[in-house]
Structure formats: structure tokens, C-alpha cells
């Protein structure tokens, strides 16, 4: 499915920033692939602080709710995998994952 689809944007990393970017692009009806390895940099933090409306929350729970909200947009696909290579130039990018999947995007 993923390798036959031309995406507008591929986002590498599905933590707060990646989810936020996907949400904005999904609302703009862009075809987005969000690739995440499931190992966010804040995975060892017991709580998130200085995050408005989520102060003291567990980072994984914040990400879980964020992913649920993002996935409500039909133009967004999510892939559990690790990106091992990316190359290209504007309007013609290619990403390869550890599972050997190659996907392309404009951005």
C-alpha cells in the first residue's frame, strides 16, 4: 500500500512535533505518511512538564491521544518502522525503511 502511493509529505518521527505537523497537513488535506519507530527521545521521562494542559502527564499517553486525533484524518497514513535512508530533491524524495519499504513524496 505505502510503496504504491505518492505522498505529498513524509514525516519521520511520530512524537509531539511529528504528530503536530501531520495534524496540520491532514487538516489541509495533504496525503501524509508518518513513519515512527516507536522510540521517542522522551521515552525515559516519567512525566511531561511545561506542556500546556498536559503538565505532569506521562509522555506516552500524550502521544497516544495525539495519534488517535491525527489518525481521524483519512489523508494520513501511519507506518510503524524505522527510516534508514532518505534522499532526493524538492518534489522528488525517497525514503527507505528498515523493513525494506521504499516510499516517495514531494516533500
N, C-alpha and C. Protein backbone atom coordinates (compact mmCIF):
# COMPACT_ATOMS: atom_id res chain seq x y z
N UNK A 1 0.82 -1.20 0.00
CA UNK A 1 0.00 0.00 0.00
C UNK A 1 0.86 1.26 0.00
N UNK A 2 1.82 1.33 0.92
CA UNK A 2 2.62 2.54 1.07
C UNK A 2 3.51 2.81 -0.14
N UNK A 3 4.09 1.76 -0.70
CA UNK A 3 5.05 1.95 -1.78
C UNK A 3 4.38 2.26 -3.13
N UNK A 4 3.09 2.11 -3.25
CA UNK A 4 2.40 2.44 -4.49
C UNK A 4 1.74 3.80 -4.45
N UNK A 5 1.87 4.49 -3.36
CA UNK A 5 1.18 5.78 -3.19
C UNK A 5 2.20 6.92 -3.22
N UNK A 6 1.87 7.96 -3.94
CA UNK A 6 2.71 9.16 -3.95
C UNK A 6 2.19 10.09 -2.86
N UNK A 7 3.02 10.34 -1.87
CA UNK A 7 2.64 11.22 -0.77
C UNK A 7 3.06 12.65 -1.06
N UNK A 8 2.31 13.58 -0.49
CA UNK A 8 2.74 14.98 -0.55
C UNK A 8 3.90 15.19 0.41
N UNK A 9 3.80 14.56 1.58
CA UNK A 9 4.81 14.74 2.62
C UNK A 9 5.02 13.42 3.36
N UNK A 10 6.29 13.12 3.67
CA UNK A 10 6.61 12.03 4.59
C UNK A 10 7.23 12.67 5.83
N UNK A 11 6.67 12.34 6.98
CA UNK A 11 7.18 12.85 8.26
C UNK A 11 7.89 11.70 8.96
N UNK A 12 9.11 11.94 9.36
CA UNK A 12 9.90 10.93 10.06
C UNK A 12 9.89 11.28 11.55
N UNK A 13 9.25 10.44 12.34
CA UNK A 13 9.15 10.66 13.78
C UNK A 13 7.73 11.01 14.18
N UNK A 14 7.15 10.18 15.02
CA UNK A 14 5.75 10.36 15.39
C UNK A 14 5.52 10.77 16.82
N UNK A 15 6.42 11.57 17.37
CA UNK A 15 6.19 12.10 18.71
C UNK A 15 5.46 13.43 18.57
N UNK A 16 5.62 14.30 19.51
CA UNK A 16 4.82 15.53 19.53
C UNK A 16 4.95 16.38 18.26
N UNK A 17 6.17 16.65 17.83
CA UNK A 17 6.37 17.51 16.66
C UNK A 17 5.84 16.85 15.38
N UNK A 18 6.16 15.57 15.21
CA UNK A 18 5.69 14.86 14.02
C UNK A 18 4.17 14.77 13.97
N UNK A 19 3.55 14.47 15.11
CA UNK A 19 2.09 14.41 15.17
C UNK A 19 1.47 15.77 14.90
N UNK A 20 2.06 16.81 15.43
CA UNK A 20 1.55 18.16 15.21
C UNK A 20 1.63 18.55 13.74
N UNK A 21 2.76 18.23 13.10
CA UNK A 21 2.91 18.52 11.67
C UNK A 21 1.90 17.73 10.86
N UNK A 22 1.72 16.45 11.19
CA UNK A 22 0.77 15.61 10.47
C UNK A 22 -0.66 16.14 10.62
N UNK A 23 -0.99 16.61 11.81
CA UNK A 23 -2.33 17.15 12.05
C UNK A 23 -2.59 18.36 11.16
N UNK A 24 -1.64 19.27 11.12
CA UNK A 24 -1.81 20.47 10.29
C UNK A 24 -1.93 20.12 8.81
N UNK A 25 -1.10 19.20 8.36
CA UNK A 25 -1.13 18.79 6.95
C UNK A 25 -2.39 17.99 6.62
N UNK A 26 -2.80 17.14 7.54
CA UNK A 26 -4.03 16.37 7.33
C UNK A 26 -5.25 17.26 7.24
N UNK A 27 -5.28 18.29 8.08
CA UNK A 27 -6.40 19.25 8.02
C UNK A 27 -6.39 20.01 6.70
N UNK A 28 -5.22 20.14 6.09
CA UNK A 28 -5.09 20.81 4.79
C UNK A 28 -5.29 19.82 3.64
N UNK A 29 -5.70 18.60 3.97
CA UNK A 29 -6.00 17.55 3.00
C UNK A 29 -4.79 17.14 2.16
N UNK A 30 -3.65 17.14 2.78
CA UNK A 30 -2.44 16.65 2.12
C UNK A 30 -2.32 15.15 2.38
N UNK A 31 -1.78 14.41 1.43
CA UNK A 31 -1.51 12.99 1.63
C UNK A 31 -0.20 12.86 2.39
N UNK A 32 -0.29 12.35 3.61
CA UNK A 32 0.84 12.33 4.53
C UNK A 32 1.13 10.90 4.98
N UNK A 33 2.41 10.56 5.02
CA UNK A 33 2.84 9.32 5.64
C UNK A 33 3.69 9.69 6.84
N UNK A 34 3.29 9.23 8.00
CA UNK A 34 4.03 9.45 9.24
C UNK A 34 4.71 8.14 9.60
N UNK A 35 6.03 8.14 9.62
CA UNK A 35 6.80 6.93 9.93
C UNK A 35 7.42 7.09 11.31
N UNK A 36 7.17 6.11 12.18
CA UNK A 36 7.67 6.21 13.55
C UNK A 36 8.18 4.85 14.02
N UNK A 37 9.33 4.86 14.66
CA UNK A 37 9.95 3.62 15.15
C UNK A 37 9.44 3.24 16.54
N UNK A 38 8.67 4.12 17.17
CA UNK A 38 8.14 3.83 18.50
C UNK A 38 9.14 4.05 19.61
N UNK A 39 10.22 4.78 19.31
CA UNK A 39 11.24 5.04 20.32
C UNK A 39 11.49 6.55 20.43
N UNK A 40 10.55 7.29 21.02
CA UNK A 40 10.72 8.74 21.12
C UNK A 40 11.87 9.10 22.07
N UNK A 41 12.43 10.25 21.88
CA UNK A 41 13.56 10.67 22.71
C UNK A 41 13.14 10.89 24.17
N UNK A 42 11.84 11.10 24.42
CA UNK A 42 11.39 11.33 25.79
C UNK A 42 10.85 10.06 26.45
N UNK A 43 11.15 8.89 25.90
CA UNK A 43 10.57 7.63 26.39
C UNK A 43 10.99 7.29 27.82
N UNK A 44 12.11 7.82 28.28
CA UNK A 44 12.54 7.52 29.65
C UNK A 44 12.03 8.55 30.66
N UNK A 45 11.40 9.61 30.19
CA UNK A 45 10.88 10.63 31.09
C UNK A 45 9.59 10.14 31.74
N UNK A 46 9.52 10.18 33.06
CA UNK A 46 8.31 9.70 33.73
C UNK A 46 7.11 10.62 33.55
N UNK A 47 7.37 11.92 33.36
CA UNK A 47 6.29 12.88 33.22
C UNK A 47 6.70 14.00 32.28
N UNK A 48 5.73 14.62 31.65
CA UNK A 48 5.97 15.77 30.79
C UNK A 48 5.64 17.04 31.58
N UNK A 49 6.50 18.01 31.52
CA UNK A 49 6.27 19.26 32.24
C UNK A 49 6.37 20.45 31.30
N UNK A 50 5.75 21.54 31.67
CA UNK A 50 5.71 22.78 30.89
C UNK A 50 5.02 22.58 29.55
N UNK A 51 4.09 21.66 29.50
CA UNK A 51 3.31 21.40 28.29
C UNK A 51 1.87 21.76 28.65
N UNK A 52 1.40 22.87 28.15
CA UNK A 52 0.09 23.41 28.50
C UNK A 52 -1.00 22.36 28.35
N UNK A 53 -1.81 22.21 29.34
CA UNK A 53 -2.92 21.25 29.50
C UNK A 53 -2.46 19.83 29.74
N UNK A 54 -1.16 19.56 29.72
CA UNK A 54 -0.66 18.21 29.95
C UNK A 54 0.46 18.17 30.98
N UNK A 55 0.61 19.21 31.77
CA UNK A 55 1.69 19.25 32.75
C UNK A 55 1.56 18.08 33.72
N UNK A 56 2.61 17.29 33.83
CA UNK A 56 2.63 16.14 34.72
C UNK A 56 2.13 14.85 34.09
N UNK A 57 1.68 14.90 32.85
CA UNK A 57 1.19 13.70 32.18
C UNK A 57 2.34 12.81 31.72
N UNK A 58 2.04 11.53 31.52
CA UNK A 58 3.02 10.57 31.00
C UNK A 58 3.17 10.82 29.50
N UNK A 59 4.40 11.00 28.99
CA UNK A 59 4.59 11.29 27.56
C UNK A 59 3.92 10.30 26.62
N UNK A 60 3.96 9.01 26.94
CA UNK A 60 3.35 8.01 26.06
C UNK A 60 1.83 8.21 25.95
N UNK A 61 1.21 8.65 27.02
CA UNK A 61 -0.25 8.89 26.99
C UNK A 61 -0.58 10.11 26.12
N UNK A 62 0.25 11.14 26.19
CA UNK A 62 0.05 12.32 25.36
C UNK A 62 0.16 11.93 23.89
N UNK A 63 1.18 11.15 23.56
CA UNK A 63 1.38 10.70 22.18
C UNK A 63 0.24 9.80 21.71
N UNK A 64 -0.26 8.96 22.59
CA UNK A 64 -1.36 8.06 22.24
C UNK A 64 -2.61 8.85 21.84
N UNK A 65 -2.95 9.84 22.64
CA UNK A 65 -4.12 10.69 22.33
C UNK A 65 -3.86 11.47 21.05
N UNK A 66 -2.66 12.00 20.90
CA UNK A 66 -2.31 12.74 19.68
C UNK A 66 -2.44 11.88 18.44
N UNK A 67 -1.96 10.65 18.52
CA UNK A 67 -2.04 9.75 17.37
C UNK A 67 -3.50 9.44 17.03
N UNK A 68 -4.34 9.23 18.03
CA UNK A 68 -5.76 8.98 17.79
C UNK A 68 -6.40 10.15 17.05
N UNK A 69 -6.07 11.36 17.46
CA UNK A 69 -6.64 12.54 16.82
C UNK A 69 -6.14 12.69 15.40
N UNK A 70 -4.86 12.46 15.17
CA UNK A 70 -4.26 12.58 13.84
C UNK A 70 -4.84 11.54 12.89
N UNK A 71 -5.01 10.32 13.38
CA UNK A 71 -5.47 9.24 12.52
C UNK A 71 -6.95 9.37 12.13
N UNK A 72 -7.63 10.36 12.68
CA UNK A 72 -9.02 10.62 12.28
C UNK A 72 -9.09 11.23 10.88
N UNK A 73 -7.95 11.68 10.37
CA UNK A 73 -7.90 12.30 9.04
C UNK A 73 -7.55 11.23 8.01
N UNK A 74 -8.43 11.01 7.05
CA UNK A 74 -8.22 9.92 6.09
C UNK A 74 -7.03 10.11 5.16
N UNK A 75 -6.49 11.30 5.06
CA UNK A 75 -5.35 11.53 4.17
C UNK A 75 -4.01 11.23 4.85
N UNK A 76 -4.06 10.76 6.10
CA UNK A 76 -2.83 10.46 6.85
C UNK A 76 -2.70 8.96 7.04
N UNK A 77 -1.54 8.42 6.66
CA UNK A 77 -1.20 7.02 6.92
C UNK A 77 -0.10 6.98 7.96
N UNK A 78 -0.09 5.94 8.76
CA UNK A 78 0.92 5.77 9.81
C UNK A 78 1.64 4.45 9.58
N UNK A 79 2.95 4.47 9.66
CA UNK A 79 3.76 3.28 9.46
C UNK A 79 4.69 3.09 10.65
N UNK A 80 4.57 1.93 11.31
CA UNK A 80 5.49 1.57 12.40
C UNK A 80 6.73 0.97 11.78
N UNK A 81 7.79 1.76 11.66
CA UNK A 81 9.03 1.31 11.04
C UNK A 81 10.12 2.33 11.35
N UNK A 82 11.32 2.03 10.96
CA UNK A 82 12.47 2.91 11.18
C UNK A 82 13.03 3.34 9.83
N UNK A 83 13.19 4.63 9.63
CA UNK A 83 13.78 5.13 8.39
C UNK A 83 15.29 4.94 8.47
N UNK A 84 15.85 4.32 7.43
CA UNK A 84 17.29 4.07 7.40
C UNK A 84 17.99 4.89 6.32
N UNK A 85 17.22 5.44 5.37
CA UNK A 85 17.82 6.27 4.32
C UNK A 85 16.75 7.20 3.75
N UNK A 86 17.22 8.37 3.36
CA UNK A 86 16.35 9.35 2.71
C UNK A 86 17.21 10.15 1.74
N UNK A 87 16.69 10.35 0.54
CA UNK A 87 17.42 11.16 -0.43
C UNK A 87 16.44 11.79 -1.41
N UNK A 88 16.98 12.66 -2.23
CA UNK A 88 16.16 13.31 -3.24
C UNK A 88 16.33 14.80 -3.23
N UNK A 89 15.47 15.44 -4.00
CA UNK A 89 15.45 16.90 -4.07
C UNK A 89 13.99 17.33 -4.11
N UNK A 90 13.78 18.63 -4.07
CA UNK A 90 12.42 19.17 -3.99
C UNK A 90 11.50 18.52 -5.01
N UNK A 91 10.37 18.05 -4.55
CA UNK A 91 9.31 17.40 -5.31
C UNK A 91 9.61 15.96 -5.71
N UNK A 92 10.75 15.43 -5.25
CA UNK A 92 11.10 14.05 -5.60
C UNK A 92 11.99 13.43 -4.51
N UNK A 93 11.37 13.01 -3.42
CA UNK A 93 12.10 12.41 -2.31
C UNK A 93 11.80 10.93 -2.21
N UNK A 94 12.76 10.16 -1.71
CA UNK A 94 12.57 8.73 -1.48
C UNK A 94 13.07 8.39 -0.09
N UNK A 95 12.32 7.56 0.59
CA UNK A 95 12.66 7.13 1.95
C UNK A 95 12.67 5.61 1.96
N UNK A 96 13.67 5.03 2.61
CA UNK A 96 13.76 3.58 2.76
C UNK A 96 13.69 3.25 4.24
N UNK A 97 12.93 2.21 4.57
CA UNK A 97 12.79 1.81 5.97
C UNK A 97 13.60 0.54 6.26
N UNK A 98 13.71 0.22 7.53
CA UNK A 98 14.47 -0.97 7.92
C UNK A 98 13.80 -2.26 7.43
N UNK A 99 12.51 -2.21 7.14
CA UNK A 99 11.81 -3.37 6.59
C UNK A 99 11.99 -3.49 5.08
N UNK A 100 12.74 -2.55 4.48
CA UNK A 100 13.00 -2.57 3.04
C UNK A 100 11.95 -1.88 2.20
N UNK A 101 11.02 -1.22 2.82
CA UNK A 101 9.98 -0.50 2.10
C UNK A 101 10.55 0.82 1.56
N UNK A 102 10.24 1.14 0.30
CA UNK A 102 10.65 2.41 -0.29
C UNK A 102 9.39 3.19 -0.62
N UNK A 103 9.34 4.41 -0.12
CA UNK A 103 8.19 5.29 -0.37
C UNK A 103 8.69 6.62 -0.90
N UNK A 104 7.83 7.30 -1.65
CA UNK A 104 8.24 8.58 -2.22
C UNK A 104 7.26 9.68 -1.85
N UNK A 105 7.76 10.89 -1.92
CA UNK A 105 6.93 12.06 -1.59
C UNK A 105 7.46 13.28 -2.32
N UNK A 106 6.61 14.30 -2.33
CA UNK A 106 7.01 15.57 -2.92
C UNK A 106 7.85 16.39 -1.94
N UNK A 107 7.57 16.24 -0.66
CA UNK A 107 8.29 17.00 0.38
C UNK A 107 8.73 16.06 1.48
